[in-house]
């Protein structure tokens, strides 16, 4: 996080993949990406079963298609979001504007916190529906159903961790951006209420405005000293 504003190196620097993969937020994004694949992959592959008496498929979570649909939707969208922010991490050092970096970090905070909330809802929803599920005498797809619930729970913490790290980047970046502003000479600041001080010139005033100061003649001239002869 050192080197520049909002946790990135100086703008325009060369891309360093080794530095990128060592960043904690990058590691959490990759982990969240893997977890999302496990969740929606488990539900898509083994989350829908066929009833022995009916060829129609049903959701393993209490025959509730909304539960399976929620898990798949959240998993796929989280997968795409991870890819989007991984691409942003690669491009982030090339952003020269401090304002644009600030917007990117703020969006990271909001999106990560939002996904942590969605995964919390998904975990509670799937766990509740799985708890009341009874119509599965052969125990088909139970491992996949439990895996989706478990990795939904783990995803809460990976996304919450991304939000915390993004907030830390925002705090560090705000301080570094404050002290990286260019110094402005107060005499060049037009918003100051007083005009800048100009040292008076010692030469002749070409405009005739009396720019130089002359000491006035003293009102009391000293009388000549010494003996003076008087005529009689």
C-alpha atoms as a PDB file:
ATOM      1  CA  UNK A   1       0.000   0.000   0.000  1.00  0.00           C
ATOM      2  CA  UNK A   2       2.946   2.252   0.007  1.00  0.00           C
ATOM      3  CA  UNK A   3       4.183   4.558  -2.702  1.00  0.00           C
ATOM      4  CA  UNK A   4       1.162   6.597  -3.726  1.00  0.00           C
ATOM      5  CA  UNK A   5      -2.342   7.771  -3.019  1.00  0.00           C
ATOM      6  CA  UNK A   6      -5.001   5.202  -2.080  1.00  0.00           C
ATOM      7  CA  UNK A   7      -2.718   2.235  -1.725  1.00  0.00           C
ATOM      8  CA  UNK A   8      -1.011   2.149  -5.113  1.00  0.00           C
ATOM      9  CA  UNK A   9       2.336   3.036  -6.557  1.00  0.00           C
ATOM     10  CA  UNK A  10       3.074   6.141  -8.520  1.00  0.00           C
ATOM     11  CA  UNK A  11       0.833   6.628 -11.520  1.00  0.00           C
ATOM     12  CA  UNK A  12       2.225   5.430 -14.816  1.00  0.00           C
ATOM     13  CA  UNK A  13       4.510   2.829 -13.260  1.00  0.00           C
ATOM     14  CA  UNK A  14       5.129  -0.530 -14.886  1.00  0.00           C
ATOM     15  CA  UNK A  15       2.722  -3.348 -14.051  1.00  0.00           C
ATOM     16  CA  UNK A  16       4.234  -5.716 -11.495  1.00  0.00           C
ATOM     17  CA  UNK A  17       2.272  -8.988 -11.213  1.00  0.00           C
ATOM     18  CA  UNK A  18       4.365 -10.170  -8.262  1.00  0.00           C
ATOM     19  CA  UNK A  19       3.382  -7.105  -6.247  1.00  0.00           C
ATOM     20  CA  UNK A  20      -0.248  -7.510  -7.301  1.00  0.00           C
ATOM     21  CA  UNK A  21      -0.607 -11.119  -6.141  1.00  0.00           C
ATOM     22  CA  UNK A  22       0.893 -10.252  -2.750  1.00  0.00           C
ATOM     23  CA  UNK A  23      -1.753  -7.632  -2.020  1.00  0.00           C
ATOM     24  CA  UNK A  24      -4.191  -8.839   0.697  1.00  0.00           C
ATOM     25  CA  UNK A  25      -7.253  -7.536  -1.153  1.00  0.00           C
ATOM     26  CA  UNK A  26      -6.171  -9.351  -4.323  1.00  0.00           C
ATOM     27  CA  UNK A  27      -5.805 -12.609  -2.402  1.00  0.00           C
ATOM     28  CA  UNK A  28      -9.278 -12.198  -0.899  1.00  0.00           C
ATOM     29  CA  UNK A  29     -10.764 -11.492  -4.337  1.00  0.00           C
ATOM     30  CA  UNK A  30      -9.289 -14.707  -5.727  1.00  0.00           C
ATOM     31  CA  UNK A  31     -10.572 -16.678  -2.732  1.00  0.00           C
ATOM     32  CA  UNK A  32     -14.035 -15.128  -3.107  1.00  0.00           C
ATOM     33  CA  UNK A  33     -13.946 -15.971  -6.810  1.00  0.00           C
ATOM     34  CA  UNK A  34     -13.237 -19.638  -6.018  1.00  0.00           C
ATOM     35  CA  UNK A  35     -15.957 -19.745  -3.364  1.00  0.00           C
ATOM     36  CA  UNK A  36     -18.535 -18.347  -5.782  1.00  0.00           C
ATOM     37  CA  UNK A  37     -17.672 -21.085  -8.290  1.00  0.00           C
ATOM     38  CA  UNK A  38     -18.175 -23.741  -5.603  1.00  0.00           C
ATOM     39  CA  UNK A  39     -21.585 -22.337  -4.616  1.00  0.00           C
ATOM     40  CA  UNK A  40     -23.236 -21.985  -7.997  1.00  0.00           C
ATOM     41  CA  UNK A  41     -21.412 -25.026  -9.412  1.00  0.00           C
ATOM     42  CA  UNK A  42     -22.682 -27.267  -6.612  1.00  0.00           C
ATOM     43  CA  UNK A  43     -26.269 -26.122  -7.067  1.00  0.00           C
ATOM     44  CA  UNK A  44     -26.241 -26.318 -10.861  1.00  0.00           C
ATOM     45  CA  UNK A  45     -24.692 -29.792 -10.953  1.00  0.00           C
ATOM     46  CA  UNK A  46     -26.455 -31.536  -8.049  1.00  0.00           C
ATOM     47  CA  UNK A  47     -28.964 -29.087  -6.670  1.00  0.00           C
ATOM     48  CA  UNK A  48     -31.805 -30.255  -8.916  1.00  0.00           C
ATOM     49  CA  UNK A  49     -33.156 -33.793  -8.513  1.00  0.00           C
ATOM     50  CA  UNK A  50     -35.734 -35.929 -10.291  1.00  0.00           C
ATOM     51  CA  UNK A  51     -38.600 -37.385  -8.331  1.00  0.00           C
ATOM     52  CA  UNK A  52     -39.024 -41.181  -8.687  1.00  0.00           C
ATOM     53  CA  UNK A  53     -42.705 -40.774  -9.442  1.00  0.00           C
ATOM     54  CA  UNK A  54     -42.364 -37.684 -11.595  1.00  0.00           C
ATOM     55  CA  UNK A  55     -39.833 -36.772 -14.263  1.00  0.00           C
ATOM     56  CA  UNK A  56     -40.007 -33.114 -13.296  1.00  0.00           C
ATOM     57  CA  UNK A  57     -36.918 -31.722 -11.558  1.00  0.00           C
ATOM     58  CA  UNK A  58     -37.155 -30.120  -8.153  1.00  0.00           C
ATOM     59  CA  UNK A  59     -34.738 -28.082  -6.013  1.00  0.00           C
ATOM     60  CA  UNK A  60     -32.944 -30.017  -3.320  1.00  0.00           C
ATOM     61  CA  UNK A  61     -33.607 -27.211  -0.842  1.00  0.00           C
ATOM     62  CA  UNK A  62     -37.127 -28.131   0.289  1.00  0.00           C
ATOM     63  CA  UNK A  63     -38.380 -28.250  -3.318  1.00  0.00           C
ATOM     64  CA  UNK A  64     -38.050 -24.465  -3.312  1.00  0.00           C
ATOM     65  CA  UNK A  65     -36.869 -23.226  -6.722  1.00  0.00           C
ATOM     66  CA  UNK A  66     -36.301 -19.754  -5.293  1.00  0.00           C
ATOM     67  CA  UNK A  67     -33.610 -21.102  -2.967  1.00  0.00           C
ATOM     68  CA  UNK A  68     -31.687 -22.720  -5.813  1.00  0.00           C
ATOM     69  CA  UNK A  69     -32.250 -19.676  -8.009  1.00  0.00           C
ATOM     70  CA  UNK A  70     -30.920 -17.335  -5.329  1.00  0.00           C
ATOM     71  CA  UNK A  71     -27.785 -19.411  -4.784  1.00  0.00           C
ATOM     72  CA  UNK A  72     -27.012 -19.651  -8.495  1.00  0.00           C
ATOM     73  CA  UNK A  73     -27.716 -15.962  -9.171  1.00  0.00           C
ATOM     74  CA  UNK A  74     -25.633 -14.680  -6.284  1.00  0.00           C
ATOM     75  CA  UNK A  75     -22.816 -17.074  -7.114  1.00  0.00           C
ATOM     76  CA  UNK A  76     -22.637 -16.097 -10.785  1.00  0.00           C
ATOM     77  CA  UNK A  77     -22.855 -12.359 -10.100  1.00  0.00           C
ATOM     78  CA  UNK A  78     -20.206 -12.620  -7.373  1.00  0.00           C
ATOM     79  CA  UNK A  79     -17.990 -14.502  -9.833  1.00  0.00           C
ATOM     80  CA  UNK A  80     -18.310 -11.662 -12.369  1.00  0.00           C
ATOM     81  CA  UNK A  81     -17.803  -8.987  -9.716  1.00  0.00           C
ATOM     82  CA  UNK A  82     -14.553 -10.606  -8.601  1.00  0.00           C
ATOM     83  CA  UNK A  83     -13.278 -10.593 -12.174  1.00  0.00           C
ATOM     84  CA  UNK A  84     -14.256  -6.938 -12.572  1.00  0.00           C
ATOM     85  CA  UNK A  85     -12.398  -5.809  -9.467  1.00  0.00           C
ATOM     86  CA  UNK A  86      -9.401  -7.975 -10.251  1.00  0.00           C
ATOM     87  CA  UNK A  87      -9.192  -6.110 -13.553  1.00  0.00           C
ATOM     88  CA  UNK A  88      -9.505  -2.844 -11.622  1.00  0.00           C
ATOM     89  CA  UNK A  89      -6.614  -3.895  -9.376  1.00  0.00           C
ATOM     90  CA  UNK A  90      -4.472  -4.414 -12.460  1.00  0.00           C
ATOM     91  CA  UNK A  91      -5.429  -1.036 -13.931  1.00  0.00           C
ATOM     92  CA  UNK A  92      -5.388   0.896 -10.634  1.00  0.00           C
ATOM     93  CA  UNK A  93      -1.684   1.932 -10.692  1.00  0.00           C
ATOM     94  CA  UNK A  94      -2.255   3.528 -14.105  1.00  0.00           C
ATOM     95  CA  UNK A  95      -4.906   5.906 -12.751  1.00  0.00           C
ATOM     96  CA  UNK A  96      -3.220   9.289 -12.416  1.00  0.00           C
ATOM     97  CA  UNK A  97      -6.129  11.254 -10.953  1.00  0.00           C
ATOM     98  CA  UNK A  98      -6.421  11.158  -7.168  1.00  0.00           C
ATOM     99  CA  UNK A  99     -10.175  11.764  -7.471  1.00  0.00           C
ATOM    100  CA  UNK A 100     -10.594   8.748  -9.750  1.00  0.00           C
ATOM    101  CA  UNK A 101      -8.610   6.587  -7.341  1.00  0.00           C
ATOM    102  CA  UNK A 102     -10.812   7.769  -4.502  1.00  0.00           C
ATOM    103  CA  UNK A 103     -13.959   6.843  -6.444  1.00  0.00           C
ATOM    104  CA  UNK A 104     -12.567   3.377  -7.205  1.00  0.00           C
ATOM    105  CA  UNK A 105     -11.734   2.691  -3.560  1.00  0.00           C
ATOM    106  CA  UNK A 106     -15.118   3.988  -2.361  1.00  0.00           C
ATOM    107  CA  UNK A 107     -16.886   1.739  -4.862  1.00  0.00           C
ATOM    108  CA  UNK A 108     -14.808  -1.180  -3.582  1.00  0.00           C
ATOM    109  CA  UNK A 109     -15.989  -0.468  -0.030  1.00  0.00           C
ATOM    110  CA  UNK A 110     -19.651  -0.271  -1.020  1.00  0.00           C
ATOM    111  CA  UNK A 111     -19.678  -3.274  -3.359  1.00  0.00           C
ATOM    112  CA  UNK A 112     -17.775  -5.520  -0.952  1.00  0.00           C
ATOM    113  CA  UNK A 113     -20.064  -4.647   1.960  1.00  0.00           C
ATOM    114  CA  UNK A 114     -23.114  -5.219  -0.251  1.00  0.00           C
ATOM    115  CA  UNK A 115     -21.900  -8.667  -1.316  1.00  0.00           C
ATOM    116  CA  UNK A 116     -21.116  -9.613   2.270  1.00  0.00           C
ATOM    117  CA  UNK A 117     -24.741  -8.817   3.082  1.00  0.00           C
ATOM    118  CA  UNK A 118     -26.046 -10.842   0.107  1.00  0.00           C
ATOM    119  CA  UNK A 119     -23.978 -13.850   1.131  1.00  0.00           C
ATOM    120  CA  UNK A 120     -25.269 -13.557   4.693  1.00  0.00           C
ATOM    121  CA  UNK A 121     -28.835 -13.602   3.378  1.00  0.00           C
ATOM    122  CA  UNK A 122     -27.985 -16.521   1.087  1.00  0.00           C
ATOM    123  CA  UNK A 123     -26.436 -18.538   3.884  1.00  0.00           C
ATOM    124  CA  UNK A 124     -29.439 -18.038   6.154  1.00  0.00           C
ATOM    125  CA  UNK A 125     -31.883 -18.790   3.336  1.00  0.00           C
ATOM    126  CA  UNK A 126     -30.193 -21.964   2.112  1.00  0.00           C
ATOM    127  CA  UNK A 127     -29.515 -23.258   5.620  1.00  0.00           C
ATOM    128  CA  UNK A 128     -33.153 -22.759   6.601  1.00  0.00           C
ATOM    129  CA  UNK A 129     -34.496 -24.469   3.502  1.00  0.00           C
ATOM    130  CA  UNK A 130     -32.065 -27.341   3.894  1.00  0.00           C
ATOM    131  CA  UNK A 131     -33.057 -27.815   7.504  1.00  0.00           C
ATOM    132  CA  UNK A 132     -36.724 -28.312   6.611  1.00  0.00           C
ATOM    133  CA  UNK A 133     -35.998 -30.516   3.604  1.00  0.00           C
ATOM    134  CA  UNK A 134     -37.283 -34.091   4.098  1.00  0.00           C
ATOM    135  CA  UNK A 135     -38.197 -35.550   0.720  1.00  0.00           C
ATOM    136  CA  UNK A 136     -34.835 -37.048  -0.255  1.00  0.00           C
ATOM    137  CA  UNK A 137     -34.800 -40.717   0.794  1.00  0.00           C
ATOM    138  CA  UNK A 138     -31.692 -41.553  -1.248  1.00  0.00           C
ATOM    139  CA  UNK A 139     -29.721 -38.595   0.120  1.00  0.00           C
ATOM    140  CA  UNK A 140     -28.802 -37.531  -3.375  1.00  0.00           C
ATOM    141  CA  UNK A 141     -26.836 -34.293  -3.699  1.00  0.00           C
ATOM    142  CA  UNK A 142     -26.477 -33.815   0.044  1.00  0.00           C
ATOM    143  CA  UNK A 143     -22.750 -33.117  -0.143  1.00  0.00           C
ATOM    144  CA  UNK A 144     -23.258 -30.491  -2.831  1.00  0.00           C
ATOM    145  CA  UNK A 145     -26.074 -28.848  -0.889  1.00  0.00           C
ATOM    146  CA  UNK A 146     -23.983 -28.648   2.258  1.00  0.00           C
ATOM    147  CA  UNK A 147     -20.971 -27.380   0.317  1.00  0.00           C
ATOM    148  CA  UNK A 148     -23.039 -24.534  -1.123  1.00  0.00           C
ATOM    149  CA  UNK A 149     -24.204 -23.590   2.377  1.00  0.00           C
ATOM    150  CA  UNK A 150     -20.700 -23.806   3.849  1.00  0.00           C
ATOM    151  CA  UNK A 151     -19.037 -21.719   1.159  1.00  0.00           C
ATOM    152  CA  UNK A 152     -21.834 -19.172   1.327  1.00  0.00           C
ATOM    153  CA  UNK A 153     -20.901 -18.771   4.977  1.00  0.00           C
ATOM    154  CA  UNK A 154     -17.194 -18.459   4.165  1.00  0.00           C
ATOM    155  CA  UNK A 155     -17.952 -15.861   1.491  1.00  0.00           C
ATOM    156  CA  UNK A 156     -19.434 -13.553   4.115  1.00  0.00           C
ATOM    157  CA  UNK A 157     -16.015 -13.121   5.693  1.00  0.00           C
ATOM    158  CA  UNK A 158     -14.018 -12.870   2.464  1.00  0.00           C
ATOM    159  CA  UNK A 159     -16.217 -10.067   1.171  1.00  0.00           C
ATOM    160  CA  UNK A 160     -16.339  -8.348   4.569  1.00  0.00           C
ATOM    161  CA  UNK A 161     -12.546  -8.557   4.630  1.00  0.00           C
ATOM    162  CA  UNK A 162     -12.376  -6.871   1.243  1.00  0.00           C
ATOM    163  CA  UNK A 163     -14.560  -4.054   2.559  1.00  0.00           C
ATOM    164  CA  UNK A 164     -12.317  -3.589   5.603  1.00  0.00           C
ATOM    165  CA  UNK A 165      -9.143  -3.549   3.506  1.00  0.00           C
ATOM    166  CA  UNK A 166     -10.697  -1.095   1.073  1.00  0.00           C
ATOM    167  CA  UNK A 167     -11.629   1.188   3.969  1.00  0.00           C
ATOM    168  CA  UNK A 168      -8.044   1.049   5.237  1.00  0.00           C
ATOM    169  CA  UNK A 169      -6.820   1.937   1.751  1.00  0.00           C
ATOM    170  CA  UNK A 170      -9.221   4.874   1.751  1.00  0.00           C
ATOM    171  CA  UNK A 171      -7.912   6.178   5.080  1.00  0.00           C
ATOM    172  CA  UNK A 172      -4.258   5.799   4.077  1.00  0.00           C
ATOM    173  CA  UNK A 173      -4.952   7.257   0.641  1.00  0.00           C
ATOM    174  CA  UNK A 174      -6.784  10.263   2.048  1.00  0.00           C
ATOM    175  CA  UNK A 175      -3.756  11.150   4.185  1.00  0.00           C
ATOM    176  CA  UNK A 176      -1.242  10.655   1.384  1.00  0.00           C
ATOM    177  CA  UNK A 177      -3.393  12.618  -1.061  1.00  0.00           C
ATOM    178  CA  UNK A 178      -3.637  15.483   1.420  1.00  0.00           C
ATOM    179  CA  UNK A 179       0.118  15.797   1.796  1.00  0.00           C
ATOM    180  CA  UNK A 180       0.854  15.268  -1.897  1.00  0.00           C
ATOM    181  CA  UNK A 181      -0.882  18.464  -2.980  1.00  0.00           C
ATOM    182  CA  UNK A 182       1.366  21.003  -4.705  1.00  0.00           C
ATOM    183  CA  UNK A 183       2.531  23.903  -2.551  1.00  0.00           C
ATOM    184  CA  UNK A 184       0.966  27.231  -3.484  1.00  0.00           C
ATOM    185  CA  UNK A 185       2.749  30.511  -2.880  1.00  0.00           C
ATOM    186  CA  UNK A 186       0.457  32.684  -0.737  1.00  0.00           C
ATOM    187  CA  UNK A 187       1.334  35.725  -2.838  1.00  0.00           C
ATOM    188  CA  UNK A 188      -0.138  33.947  -5.869  1.00  0.00           C
ATOM    189  CA  UNK A 189      -3.395  33.024  -4.166  1.00  0.00           C
ATOM    190  CA  UNK A 190      -6.154  35.256  -5.560  1.00  0.00           C
ATOM    191  CA  UNK A 191      -8.485  34.344  -2.687  1.00  0.00           C
ATOM    192  CA  UNK A 192      -6.397  36.203  -0.110  1.00  0.00           C
ATOM    193  CA  UNK A 193      -8.041  39.430   1.155  1.00  0.00           C
ATOM    194  CA  UNK A 194      -4.870  41.520   0.982  1.00  0.00           C
ATOM    195  CA  UNK A 195      -2.575  42.300  -1.895  1.00  0.00           C
ATOM    196  CA  UNK A 196       0.917  40.816  -1.712  1.00  0.00           C
ATOM    197  CA  UNK A 197       3.673  43.000  -0.295  1.00  0.00           C
ATOM    198  CA  UNK A 198       5.977  44.579  -2.887  1.00  0.00           C
ATOM    199  CA  UNK A 199       9.278  46.014  -1.784  1.00  0.00           C
ATOM    200  CA  UNK A 200       9.568  49.706  -2.736  1.00  0.00           C
ATOM    201  CA  UNK A 201      12.032  50.584  -5.460  1.00  0.00           C
ATOM    202  CA  UNK A 202      15.069  52.740  -4.720  1.00  0.00           C
ATOM    203  CA  UNK A 203      15.364  54.154  -8.235  1.00  0.00           C
ATOM    204  CA  UNK A 204      13.403  56.929  -9.938  1.00  0.00           C
ATOM    205  CA  UNK A 205       9.646  56.475 -10.229  1.00  0.00           C
ATOM    206  CA  UNK A 206       8.860  56.301 -13.947  1.00  0.00           C
ATOM    207  CA  UNK A 207       5.139  56.729 -13.403  1.00  0.00           C
ATOM    208  CA  UNK A 208       5.575  59.809 -11.246  1.00  0.00           C
ATOM    209  CA  UNK A 209       3.525  58.286  -8.448  1.00  0.00           C
ATOM    210  CA  UNK A 210       6.043  58.927  -5.724  1.00  0.00           C
ATOM    211  CA  UNK A 211       6.923  55.344  -5.193  1.00  0.00           C
ATOM    212  CA  UNK A 212      10.072  56.204  -3.216  1.00  0.00           C
ATOM    213  CA  UNK A 213      10.123  57.753   0.211  1.00  0.00           C
ATOM    214  CA  UNK A 214      12.129  60.936   0.805  1.00  0.00           C
ATOM    215  CA  UNK A 215      12.881  62.197   4.269  1.00  0.00           C
ATOM    216  CA  UNK A 216      11.471  65.720   4.746  1.00  0.00           C
ATOM    217  CA  UNK A 217      13.793  68.551   5.675  1.00  0.00           C
ATOM    218  CA  UNK A 218      14.019  69.215   9.364  1.00  0.00           C
ATOM    219  CA  UNK A 219      12.109  72.249  10.615  1.00  0.00           C
ATOM    220  CA  UNK A 220      14.884  73.108  12.966  1.00  0.00           C
ATOM    221  CA  UNK A 221      18.158  73.905  11.181  1.00  0.00           C
ATOM    222  CA  UNK A 222      21.187  74.181  13.478  1.00  0.00           C
ATOM    223  CA  UNK A 223      22.659  77.699  13.747  1.00  0.00           C
ATOM    224  CA  UNK A 224      26.287  78.086  12.758  1.00  0.00           C
ATOM    225  CA  UNK A 225      28.586  77.735  15.688  1.00  0.00           C
ATOM    226  CA  UNK A 226      31.751  79.818  16.402  1.00  0.00           C
ATOM    227  CA  UNK A 227      32.831  83.489  17.018  1.00  0.00           C
ATOM    228  CA  UNK A 228      31.393  86.221  14.782  1.00  0.00           C
ATOM    229  CA  UNK A 229      32.936  89.709  14.681  1.00  0.00           C
ATOM    230  CA  UNK A 230      30.665  92.749  15.155  1.00  0.00           C
ATOM    231  CA  UNK A 231      31.317  96.164  13.584  1.00  0.00           C
ATOM    232  CA  UNK A 232      31.246  99.281  15.822  1.00  0.00           C
END
